[in-house]
Amino acid sequence: MTTGNSIPAGPSQWQRFRRSYRHLSGFKAGFGLTTVAALLVMGLFSPWLAPHPPNAQDLMVAMMPPDWTGPNVLGTDHVGRDILSRIIYGSRVSLIIALSVALFASVVGVALGVVAGYFGGRIDSAIQKVVEIFWSFPPLMLAIAIVAFVGQGLAIVIIALTAQRWIPYCRVTRAEAMALRDREFIMAARTLGASDGFIIRHHVLPNVTLSIIVMTSFAMANAIIAESSLSFLGLGVPPSIPTWGGMLSDSRAYISSAWWMALFPGLAIFLTVLGLNLLGDALRNQFDPKLKSH
């Protein structure tokens, strides 16, 4: 029982945690994290999860519809390859490209953006000229031109997709570095004799980390869409490597007679991109100070 002098119990530590990180415990973050976890599991354990070799052909069972109790759960394609196995193996390409493009784009973009925003002047002007040159090309057209000129291959696709996707990182970190360079703690560190490199590493980069994390989720989703587009056009990785975009390309001639060939890889792309975008939206809502009050 409570007495007249008792003080009502405040919120528990768990309740305070839920309140502070409510955006990361909602549907968006949950769906996004589940998608990322599923992509990681399929990509890392494809040989053990796939029921059949991804390129095994059997014309006797070509274009078999989905059979939930048979050996080909999601059906087969026009040469008898198992759809489910190819989707599982295709996740490896999507995972590698998404992580690689996001990593390289963030490293290049953040480095150039922080340097441009912190130092300003001629350095900033030179970097912005480079940004304007690359920004003048449509992203997909630039990637197509690079692949068509250099050739197909996983490394070439990663380079082609990174060629312009570092620009958003550069612009965001440049703006934040410009806002930070005249702050009191930066000026105090400079007064105490700290070098520019020390200030950038210990004061500027930690303050732009949250923006980088949020942008990385959206960058991974964009990279998967771009890779699927290149594979659909026949300009992605070699045809011997199963990809979701390549599966969609193979299904074009059979979309009216074998709907499952296009449906399931299309769903894989849709759910993966949706999950990554929802995760990025949840992270933005959580860490953006302008949205924390909503």
Protein backbone atom coordinates (compact mmCIF):
# COMPACT_ATOMS: atom_id res chain seq x y z
CA MET A 1 0.00 0.00 0.00
CA THR A 2 1.08 3.56 -0.59
CA THR A 3 1.01 6.26 2.06
CA GLY A 4 0.42 9.96 1.74
CA ASN A 5 4.14 10.61 1.95
CA SER A 6 5.17 8.06 -0.68
CA ILE A 7 6.63 9.22 -3.97
CA PRO A 8 5.19 7.67 -7.17
CA ALA A 9 7.66 5.39 -8.86
CA GLY A 10 9.19 6.86 -11.97
CA PRO A 11 9.60 5.05 -15.28
CA SER A 12 11.84 2.02 -15.18
CA GLN A 13 15.17 1.90 -16.98
CA TRP A 14 13.64 -0.26 -19.70
CA GLN A 15 10.80 2.21 -20.18
CA ARG A 16 13.25 5.09 -20.47
CA PHE A 17 15.25 3.09 -23.01
CA ARG A 18 12.10 2.31 -25.04
CA ARG A 19 11.10 5.96 -24.94
CA SER A 20 14.54 7.18 -26.02
CA TYR A 21 14.87 4.65 -28.83
CA ARG A 22 11.22 4.23 -29.78
CA HIS A 23 11.98 4.56 -33.50
CA LEU A 24 14.42 1.64 -33.35
CA SER A 25 11.88 -0.63 -31.69
CA GLY A 26 9.04 -0.02 -34.14
CA PHE A 27 7.87 -1.82 -37.27
CA LYS A 28 10.20 0.00 -39.66
CA ALA A 29 13.38 -0.89 -37.80
CA GLY A 30 12.17 -4.43 -37.10
CA PHE A 31 11.31 -5.12 -40.72
CA GLY A 32 14.55 -3.55 -41.91
CA LEU A 33 16.74 -5.47 -39.48
CA THR A 34 14.94 -8.70 -40.37
CA THR A 35 15.60 -8.04 -44.05
CA VAL A 36 19.28 -7.35 -43.46
CA ALA A 37 19.59 -10.46 -41.29
CA ALA A 38 17.88 -12.62 -43.94
CA LEU A 39 20.16 -11.22 -46.64
CA LEU A 40 23.23 -11.94 -44.53
CA VAL A 41 22.13 -15.48 -43.72
CA MET A 42 21.29 -16.33 -47.33
CA GLY A 43 24.48 -14.75 -48.64
CA LEU A 44 26.80 -16.41 -46.12
CA PHE A 45 25.17 -19.84 -46.04
CA SER A 46 23.97 -20.22 -49.63
CA PRO A 47 25.65 -23.62 -50.25
CA TRP A 48 23.87 -25.09 -47.23
CA LEU A 49 20.49 -23.40 -47.69
CA ALA A 50 19.99 -23.92 -51.44
CA PRO A 51 18.28 -27.25 -52.20
CA HIS A 52 19.93 -27.53 -55.65
CA PRO A 53 23.04 -26.20 -57.43
CA PRO A 54 22.11 -22.80 -58.89
CA ASN A 55 23.21 -23.61 -62.46
CA ALA A 56 22.11 -27.25 -62.62
CA GLN A 57 19.95 -27.66 -65.74
CA ASP A 58 17.33 -30.31 -66.37
CA LEU A 59 15.18 -29.81 -69.46
CA MET A 60 12.85 -32.58 -68.30
CA VAL A 61 11.52 -30.29 -65.56
CA ALA A 62 11.83 -26.96 -67.41
CA MET A 63 9.24 -24.29 -66.55
CA MET A 64 7.63 -26.36 -63.79
CA PRO A 65 5.24 -24.25 -61.69
CA PRO A 66 5.75 -23.85 -57.93
CA ASP A 67 5.12 -27.00 -55.94
CA TRP A 68 5.13 -26.43 -52.20
CA THR A 69 5.57 -30.17 -51.49
CA GLY A 70 7.90 -31.06 -54.38
CA PRO A 71 11.63 -30.68 -55.03
CA ASN A 72 11.16 -27.29 -56.72
CA VAL A 73 9.26 -25.18 -54.22
CA LEU A 74 9.28 -22.01 -56.32
CA GLY A 75 9.31 -23.77 -59.67
CA THR A 76 11.97 -23.90 -62.38
CA ASP A 77 13.05 -21.65 -65.24
CA HIS A 78 13.20 -22.25 -68.98
CA VAL A 79 16.20 -24.61 -68.72
CA GLY A 80 15.11 -26.42 -65.58
CA ARG A 81 17.12 -24.49 -62.99
CA ASP A 82 15.61 -24.25 -59.52
CA ILE A 83 14.23 -20.74 -58.84
CA LEU A 84 14.63 -20.91 -55.05
CA SER A 85 18.27 -21.97 -55.27
CA ARG A 86 19.08 -19.18 -57.72
CA ILE A 87 17.36 -16.59 -55.50
CA ILE A 88 19.38 -17.77 -52.50
CA TYR A 89 22.64 -17.66 -54.44
CA GLY A 90 21.66 -14.35 -56.02
CA SER A 91 21.55 -12.80 -52.55
CA ARG A 92 25.34 -13.23 -52.36
CA VAL A 93 25.86 -10.86 -55.28
CA SER A 94 23.38 -8.36 -53.88
CA LEU A 95 25.03 -8.52 -50.45
CA ILE A 96 28.58 -8.14 -51.78
CA ILE A 97 27.68 -5.27 -54.09
CA ALA A 98 25.53 -3.45 -51.52
CA LEU A 99 28.20 -3.61 -48.81
CA SER A 100 31.11 -2.85 -51.17
CA VAL A 101 29.43 0.13 -52.85
CA ALA A 102 28.30 1.57 -49.51
CA LEU A 103 31.79 1.09 -48.01
CA PHE A 104 33.78 2.59 -50.89
CA ALA A 105 31.30 5.40 -51.51
CA SER A 106 31.28 6.37 -47.82
CA VAL A 107 35.08 6.32 -47.53
CA VAL A 108 35.61 8.47 -50.64
CA GLY A 109 32.67 10.78 -50.03
CA VAL A 110 33.31 11.35 -46.33
CA ALA A 111 37.03 11.98 -46.86
CA LEU A 112 36.42 14.55 -49.60
CA GLY A 113 33.46 16.12 -47.82
CA VAL A 114 35.22 16.55 -44.50
CA VAL A 115 38.34 17.99 -46.14
CA ALA A 116 36.27 20.39 -48.28
CA GLY A 117 34.09 21.55 -45.41
CA TYR A 118 36.86 21.88 -42.82
CA PHE A 119 39.47 23.67 -44.92
CA GLY A 120 37.21 25.55 -47.34
CA GLY A 121 38.75 27.98 -49.81
CA ARG A 122 40.47 26.63 -52.91
CA ILE A 123 40.39 23.05 -51.65
CA ASP A 124 36.63 23.24 -51.28
CA SER A 125 36.24 24.84 -54.71
CA ALA A 126 38.36 22.16 -56.40
CA ILE A 127 36.44 19.31 -54.77
CA GLN A 128 33.10 20.91 -55.66
CA LYS A 129 34.19 21.14 -59.30
CA VAL A 130 34.82 17.39 -59.27
CA VAL A 131 31.41 16.85 -57.67
CA GLU A 132 29.72 18.93 -60.37
CA ILE A 133 31.46 16.98 -63.14
CA PHE A 134 30.34 13.59 -61.82
CA TRP A 135 26.90 14.89 -60.85
CA SER A 136 26.23 15.97 -64.44
CA PHE A 137 25.96 12.32 -65.54
CA PRO A 138 22.84 10.22 -64.80
CA PRO A 139 23.96 7.53 -62.31
CA LEU A 140 22.78 4.51 -64.30
CA MET A 141 24.05 5.87 -67.62
CA LEU A 142 27.49 6.48 -66.11
CA ALA A 143 27.56 2.93 -64.74
CA ILE A 144 26.49 1.52 -68.12
CA ALA A 145 29.23 3.52 -69.88
CA ILE A 146 31.92 2.26 -67.49
CA VAL A 147 30.84 -1.39 -67.77
CA ALA A 148 30.50 -1.17 -71.56
CA PHE A 149 33.95 0.41 -71.90
CA VAL A 150 35.90 -1.69 -69.35
CA GLY A 151 34.01 -4.99 -69.44
CA GLN A 152 31.87 -7.18 -67.21
CA GLY A 153 32.89 -8.44 -63.80
CA LEU A 154 31.97 -8.10 -60.15
CA ALA A 155 34.78 -5.64 -59.39
CA ILE A 156 33.92 -3.55 -62.47
CA VAL A 157 30.25 -3.36 -61.42
CA ILE A 158 31.26 -2.21 -57.93
CA ILE A 159 33.51 0.50 -59.37
CA ALA A 160 30.82 1.58 -61.84
CA LEU A 161 28.19 1.89 -59.11
CA THR A 162 30.57 3.71 -56.77
CA ALA A 163 31.58 6.24 -59.42
CA GLN A 164 28.79 8.64 -58.47
CA ARG A 165 27.33 7.34 -55.22
CA TRP A 166 30.02 9.01 -53.10
CA ILE A 167 28.55 12.42 -53.90
CA PRO A 168 25.70 12.39 -51.31
CA TYR A 169 28.21 11.45 -48.61
CA CYS A 170 30.47 14.29 -49.75
CA ARG A 171 27.72 16.89 -49.72
CA VAL A 172 26.29 15.95 -46.33
CA THR A 173 29.64 15.69 -44.54
CA ARG A 174 30.86 18.90 -46.18
CA ALA A 175 27.86 20.80 -44.82
CA GLU A 176 28.31 19.33 -41.34
CA ALA A 177 32.07 19.98 -41.33
CA MET A 178 31.46 23.62 -42.31
CA ALA A 179 29.03 23.95 -39.40
CA LEU A 180 31.48 22.32 -36.97
CA ARG A 181 34.74 24.07 -37.88
CA ASP A 182 33.78 27.31 -36.09
CA ARG A 183 32.25 25.68 -33.01
CA GLU A 184 33.71 26.51 -29.59
CA PHE A 185 35.19 23.06 -28.90
CA ILE A 186 36.94 23.03 -32.30
CA MET A 187 38.38 26.50 -31.70
CA ALA A 188 39.48 25.46 -28.20
CA ALA A 189 41.26 22.39 -29.56
CA ARG A 190 42.96 24.54 -32.20
CA THR A 191 44.02 27.05 -29.54
CA LEU A 192 45.56 24.27 -27.46
CA GLY A 193 47.76 23.33 -30.41
CA ALA A 194 45.86 20.38 -31.86
CA SER A 195 46.68 19.68 -35.49
CA ASP A 196 44.07 19.70 -38.24
CA GLY A 197 44.37 15.94 -38.62
CA PHE A 198 43.77 15.42 -34.88
CA ILE A 199 40.73 17.71 -34.92
CA ILE A 200 39.25 15.94 -37.94
CA ARG A 201 39.77 12.47 -36.47
CA HIS A 202 38.65 13.22 -32.92
CA HIS A 203 36.09 16.00 -33.29
CA VAL A 204 34.71 16.23 -36.83
CA LEU A 205 34.36 12.57 -37.87
CA PRO A 206 32.60 11.44 -34.64
CA ASN A 207 30.01 14.17 -35.15
CA VAL A 208 29.16 13.06 -38.70
CA THR A 209 29.05 9.32 -37.94
CA LEU A 210 25.29 9.18 -37.37
CA SER A 211 24.59 10.81 -40.73
CA ILE A 212 26.90 8.30 -42.41
CA ILE A 213 25.08 5.37 -40.81
CA VAL A 214 21.69 6.64 -41.96
CA MET A 215 22.91 7.28 -45.51
CA THR A 216 24.55 3.86 -45.74
CA SER A 217 21.22 2.07 -45.44
CA PHE A 218 19.75 4.05 -48.35
CA ALA A 219 22.99 3.63 -50.35
CA MET A 220 22.78 -0.16 -50.01
CA ALA A 221 19.19 -0.15 -51.29
CA ASN A 222 20.12 2.04 -54.26
CA ALA A 223 23.10 -0.19 -55.06
CA ILE A 224 20.90 -3.30 -55.18
CA ILE A 225 18.44 -1.60 -57.53
CA ALA A 226 21.27 -0.37 -59.77
CA GLU A 227 22.96 -3.78 -59.87
CA SER A 228 19.65 -5.44 -60.75
CA SER A 229 19.16 -2.90 -63.54
CA LEU A 230 22.60 -3.61 -64.98
CA SER A 231 22.05 -7.37 -64.77
CA PHE A 232 18.64 -6.97 -66.41
CA LEU A 233 20.32 -5.18 -69.31
CA GLY A 234 23.01 -7.87 -69.54
CA LEU A 235 25.76 -5.55 -68.29
CA GLY A 236 26.21 -6.87 -64.77
CA VAL A 237 28.27 -9.80 -63.57
CA PRO A 238 28.91 -12.73 -65.96
CA PRO A 239 25.79 -14.80 -66.79
CA SER A 240 27.22 -17.84 -64.99
CA ILE A 241 26.71 -16.03 -61.66
CA PRO A 242 23.02 -16.01 -60.62
CA THR A 243 21.62 -12.57 -59.86
CA TRP A 244 18.11 -11.33 -59.23
CA GLY A 245 18.28 -8.87 -62.12
CA GLY A 246 19.58 -11.59 -64.44
CA MET A 247 16.68 -13.84 -63.44
CA LEU A 248 14.25 -11.07 -64.34
CA SER A 249 15.98 -10.67 -67.68
CA ASP A 250 15.64 -14.41 -68.38
CA SER A 251 11.94 -14.29 -67.57
CA ARG A 252 10.99 -11.58 -70.08
CA ALA A 253 10.13 -13.99 -72.88
CA TYR A 254 8.11 -16.27 -70.59
CA ILE A 255 6.25 -13.80 -68.40
CA SER A 256 2.85 -14.80 -69.80
CA SER A 257 3.41 -18.55 -69.57
CA ALA A 258 5.69 -18.85 -66.52
CA TRP A 259 4.77 -16.03 -64.16
CA TRP A 260 6.83 -17.46 -61.28
CA MET A 261 10.09 -16.81 -63.14
CA ALA A 262 9.58 -13.06 -62.77
CA LEU A 263 7.50 -12.93 -59.59
CA PHE A 264 9.88 -14.43 -57.05
CA PRO A 265 13.13 -12.62 -57.98
CA GLY A 266 11.09 -9.43 -58.29
CA LEU A 267 9.73 -9.99 -54.78
CA ALA A 268 13.27 -10.58 -53.51
CA ILE A 269 14.39 -7.22 -54.89
CA PHE A 270 11.26 -5.45 -53.66
CA LEU A 271 11.40 -6.80 -50.09
CA THR A 272 15.14 -6.22 -49.74
CA VAL A 273 15.00 -2.64 -50.98
CA LEU A 274 11.88 -1.93 -48.92
CA GLY A 275 13.51 -3.29 -45.77
CA LEU A 276 16.69 -1.25 -46.24
CA ASN A 277 14.71 1.93 -46.93
CA LEU A 278 12.50 1.39 -43.88
CA LEU A 279 15.59 0.79 -41.75
CA GLY A 280 17.16 3.99 -43.06
CA ASP A 281 13.94 5.87 -42.37
CA ALA A 282 13.85 4.55 -38.79
CA LEU A 283 17.48 5.51 -38.24
CA ARG A 284 16.83 8.99 -39.62
CA ASN A 285 13.80 9.46 -37.38
CA GLN A 286 15.82 8.32 -34.38
CA PHE A 287 18.98 10.35 -34.86
CA ASP A 288 17.76 13.46 -36.67
CA PRO A 289 17.29 16.11 -33.94
CA LYS A 290 14.62 17.86 -36.01
CA LEU A 291 12.48 14.70 -35.97
CA LYS A 292 13.08 13.46 -32.43
CA SER A 293 10.20 15.46 -31.05
CA HIS A 294 7.66 13.94 -33.47
